[in-house]
Every structure is written in structure tokens, then in C-alpha cells.
N, C-alpha and C. Protein backbone atom coordinates (compact mmCIF):
# COMPACT_ATOMS: atom_id res chain seq x y z
N UNK A 1 124.36 103.21 -44.54
CA UNK A 1 123.78 102.13 -45.13
C UNK A 1 124.14 100.61 -44.24
N UNK A 2 122.89 100.19 -43.76
CA UNK A 2 124.06 98.95 -43.17
C UNK A 2 123.02 97.67 -44.08
N UNK A 3 124.08 96.45 -43.76
CA UNK A 3 123.66 95.51 -44.52
C UNK A 3 122.48 94.82 -43.49
N UNK A 4 121.55 93.68 -44.10
CA UNK A 4 120.71 92.98 -43.35
C UNK A 4 121.42 92.48 -42.15
N UNK A 5 120.98 92.52 -41.00
CA UNK A 5 121.57 92.34 -39.58
C UNK A 5 122.48 92.98 -39.03
N UNK A 6 122.88 93.99 -39.66
CA UNK A 6 123.70 94.78 -39.26
C UNK A 6 123.27 96.10 -38.29
N UNK A 7 123.64 96.52 -37.30
CA UNK A 7 123.58 97.69 -36.84
C UNK A 7 123.67 99.39 -37.44
N UNK A 8 123.13 100.06 -37.54
CA UNK A 8 123.35 101.36 -37.77
C UNK A 8 123.68 102.10 -36.57
N UNK A 9 124.76 102.84 -36.41
CA UNK A 9 125.27 103.59 -35.42
C UNK A 9 125.41 105.23 -35.71
N UNK A 10 124.89 105.75 -34.98
CA UNK A 10 124.62 107.20 -35.05
C UNK A 10 126.15 107.69 -35.65
N UNK A 11 125.66 108.52 -36.70
CA UNK A 11 127.25 109.05 -37.14
C UNK A 11 127.96 108.16 -38.29
N UNK A 12 127.33 106.98 -38.50
CA UNK A 12 127.91 106.17 -39.54
C UNK A 12 127.57 106.54 -40.93
N UNK A 13 128.90 106.46 -41.62
CA UNK A 13 129.12 107.36 -42.77
C UNK A 13 129.29 106.21 -43.91
N UNK A 14 128.83 106.36 -45.00
CA UNK A 14 129.24 105.68 -46.20
C UNK A 14 130.92 105.60 -46.15
N UNK A 15 131.34 107.12 -46.36
CA UNK A 15 132.73 106.98 -46.55
C UNK A 15 133.58 106.38 -45.57
N UNK A 16 132.76 105.84 -44.55
CA UNK A 16 133.75 105.03 -43.37
C UNK A 16 133.72 103.48 -43.98
N UNK A 17 132.80 103.31 -44.78
CA UNK A 17 132.98 101.98 -45.35
C UNK A 17 133.75 101.39 -46.59
N UNK A 18 133.61 102.70 -47.57
CA UNK A 18 134.22 102.44 -49.00
C UNK A 18 135.59 102.60 -48.71
N UNK A 19 136.57 102.07 -49.49
CA UNK A 19 137.66 102.56 -49.64
C UNK A 19 138.65 102.69 -50.87
N UNK A 20 139.51 102.88 -50.98
CA UNK A 20 140.22 103.30 -52.14
C UNK A 20 140.30 101.80 -53.13
N UNK A 21 140.19 100.87 -52.47
CA UNK A 21 140.16 99.70 -53.29
C UNK A 21 138.75 99.50 -54.16
N UNK A 22 137.98 99.82 -53.83
CA UNK A 22 136.78 99.68 -54.41
C UNK A 22 136.55 100.15 -55.70
N UNK A 23 137.19 101.85 -55.62
CA UNK A 23 137.62 102.29 -56.82
C UNK A 23 138.88 102.08 -57.32
N UNK A 24 139.54 101.14 -57.17
CA UNK A 24 140.61 100.39 -57.96
C UNK A 24 140.13 99.27 -58.75
N UNK A 25 139.19 98.65 -57.82
CA UNK A 25 138.62 97.48 -58.61
C UNK A 25 137.65 97.83 -60.50
N UNK A 26 136.91 99.10 -59.73
CA UNK A 26 136.24 99.60 -60.78
C UNK A 26 137.18 100.20 -61.88
N UNK A 27 138.23 101.08 -61.44
CA UNK A 27 138.79 101.97 -62.43
C UNK A 27 140.05 101.47 -61.93
N UNK A 28 140.68 100.22 -62.81
CA UNK A 28 141.71 99.76 -62.82
C UNK A 28 143.01 100.55 -63.06
N UNK A 29 144.39 100.32 -62.09
CA UNK A 29 145.32 101.19 -62.52
C UNK A 29 145.90 101.23 -63.98
N UNK A 30 145.91 100.39 -64.81
CA UNK A 30 146.21 100.28 -66.26
C UNK A 30 145.30 101.19 -67.01
N UNK A 31 144.11 101.51 -66.56
CA UNK A 31 142.75 102.14 -67.38
C UNK A 31 143.20 103.79 -66.77
N UNK A 32 143.66 104.13 -65.55
CA UNK A 32 144.15 105.33 -65.04
C UNK A 32 145.37 106.10 -65.75
N UNK A 33 146.04 104.91 -65.70
CA UNK A 33 147.64 105.48 -66.82
C UNK A 33 147.23 105.42 -68.09
N UNK A 34 146.34 104.96 -68.39
CA UNK A 34 146.21 104.77 -69.86
C UNK A 34 144.99 106.39 -70.11
N UNK A 35 144.66 106.63 -69.36
CA UNK A 35 143.66 108.04 -69.63
C UNK A 35 144.47 109.34 -69.21
N UNK A 36 145.27 108.82 -68.47
CA UNK A 36 146.12 110.32 -67.93
C UNK A 36 147.27 110.18 -69.08
N UNK A 37 147.71 109.08 -69.76
CA UNK A 37 148.76 109.16 -70.97
C UNK A 37 148.24 109.87 -72.27
N UNK A 38 146.93 109.11 -72.73
CA UNK A 38 145.82 109.93 -73.65
C UNK A 38 145.90 111.29 -73.67
N UNK A 39 145.54 111.73 -72.18
CA UNK A 39 145.21 113.07 -71.90
C UNK A 39 146.54 114.29 -72.03
N UNK A 40 147.56 113.41 -71.88
CA UNK A 40 148.68 114.30 -72.12
C UNK A 40 148.98 114.66 -70.96
N UNK A 41 149.02 114.18 -69.62
CA UNK A 41 148.75 115.13 -68.55
C UNK A 41 149.62 114.62 -67.35
N UNK A 42 150.57 113.61 -67.58
CA UNK A 42 151.32 112.74 -66.62
C UNK A 42 152.37 113.74 -66.31
N UNK A 43 152.91 113.33 -64.85
CA UNK A 43 153.40 114.48 -64.38
C UNK A 43 155.25 114.44 -65.18
N UNK A 44 155.64 115.64 -65.01
CA UNK A 44 157.11 115.58 -65.56
C UNK A 44 157.90 115.44 -64.83
N UNK A 45 157.74 115.57 -63.28
CA UNK A 45 158.66 115.72 -62.12
C UNK A 45 157.82 114.56 -61.25
N UNK A 46 158.56 114.18 -60.37
CA UNK A 46 158.01 113.59 -59.15
C UNK A 46 157.64 114.43 -58.26
N UNK A 47 156.18 114.08 -57.72
CA UNK A 47 155.32 115.18 -56.87
C UNK A 47 154.73 114.28 -55.72
N UNK A 48 154.63 115.07 -54.73
CA UNK A 48 154.14 114.44 -53.30
C UNK A 48 152.91 113.96 -53.83
N UNK A 49 151.85 114.59 -54.78
CA UNK A 49 150.72 114.02 -54.99
C UNK A 49 150.81 113.49 -56.35
N UNK A 50 151.19 112.24 -56.69
CA UNK A 50 151.27 111.79 -58.36
C UNK A 50 149.86 111.86 -58.97
N UNK A 51 149.90 112.26 -59.91
CA UNK A 51 148.59 112.23 -60.97
C UNK A 51 147.83 111.43 -60.86
N UNK A 52 148.07 109.92 -60.66
CA UNK A 52 147.38 108.70 -60.52
C UNK A 52 146.38 108.91 -59.17
N UNK A 53 147.19 109.28 -58.28
CA UNK A 53 146.23 109.37 -57.12
C UNK A 53 145.49 110.58 -56.91
N UNK A 54 146.02 111.63 -57.71
CA UNK A 54 144.81 112.61 -57.96
C UNK A 54 143.39 112.49 -58.44
N UNK A 55 143.85 111.41 -59.66
CA UNK A 55 142.48 110.66 -60.49
C UNK A 55 141.76 110.16 -59.40
N UNK A 56 142.20 109.42 -58.51
CA UNK A 56 141.51 108.62 -57.84
C UNK A 56 140.75 109.34 -56.72
N UNK A 57 141.50 110.15 -56.56
CA UNK A 57 140.91 111.20 -55.26
C UNK A 57 139.75 112.24 -55.84
N UNK A 58 139.67 112.65 -57.13
CA UNK A 58 138.80 113.03 -57.96
C UNK A 58 137.67 111.74 -58.08
N UNK A 59 137.53 110.86 -58.24
CA UNK A 59 136.83 109.69 -58.29
C UNK A 59 135.89 109.73 -57.14
N UNK A 60 137.37 109.84 -55.98
CA UNK A 60 136.59 109.57 -54.72
C UNK A 60 135.44 110.63 -54.40
N UNK A 61 135.73 111.98 -55.05
CA UNK A 61 135.02 112.97 -54.48
C UNK A 61 133.65 112.93 -54.82
N UNK A 62 133.43 112.05 -56.24
CA UNK A 62 131.90 112.45 -57.11
C UNK A 62 130.87 111.61 -56.12
N UNK A 63 130.92 110.69 -55.43
CA UNK A 63 129.81 110.16 -54.76
C UNK A 63 129.31 110.99 -53.36
N UNK A 64 130.73 111.75 -53.03
CA UNK A 64 130.66 112.47 -51.85
C UNK A 64 130.66 113.99 -51.97
N UNK A 65 129.84 114.55 -53.30
CA UNK A 65 130.17 116.03 -53.50
C UNK A 65 129.76 116.76 -52.27
N UNK A 66 128.78 116.69 -51.70
CA UNK A 66 128.60 117.22 -50.73
C UNK A 66 129.69 117.79 -49.40
N UNK A 67 130.36 116.85 -49.26
CA UNK A 67 131.32 116.71 -48.08
C UNK A 67 132.78 117.67 -48.73
N UNK A 68 133.12 117.79 -47.85
CA UNK A 68 134.60 118.66 -47.75
C UNK A 68 135.78 117.63 -48.29
N UNK A 69 136.69 118.30 -48.87
CA UNK A 69 137.82 117.14 -49.32
C UNK A 69 138.24 116.55 -48.32
N UNK A 70 138.44 117.16 -46.98
CA UNK A 70 139.19 116.39 -46.15
C UNK A 70 138.54 115.02 -45.60
N UNK A 71 137.31 114.64 -45.58
CA UNK A 71 136.26 113.79 -45.36
C UNK A 71 136.66 112.99 -46.34
N UNK A 72 136.74 113.38 -47.68
CA UNK A 72 136.99 112.37 -48.57
C UNK A 72 138.53 111.72 -48.51
């Protein structure tokens, strides 16, 4: 999706234009941490992929449900 006056290039994908910052604005860190805590699923030890990051990854997958996880 191009903005007015912006050229669309073949292969241009929405996922190339949206970053994690958009999700962080819509779902602030404090909200994500509260939901994780209330669900009782916070990690018991340090992981390579912390629970918070996994939540943001899951949220990022929603608009791109037809894409593979690598592209997300």
C-alpha cells in the first residue's frame, strides 16, 4: 500500500513497512506484561525468546496469517 505520491514497487509488502514499534504503540509493554502476569505464563527462567517477545511475535502474525513465520 503506497501513500499518495509514493511509487509502488513490485514485491513491495506491507510487512516491509510495518515494524515492531507499531505493535508497541498499540500494545504497550506494561499491558503485555500485565496480561502475561494475569495469565500466569511468565517465564520461570531466562529464555532465548522471552514471553513478552513471543506475545509481540504472535500479534505480528495476525495481520499476516497467510505468510510464513519467517516472513513475519
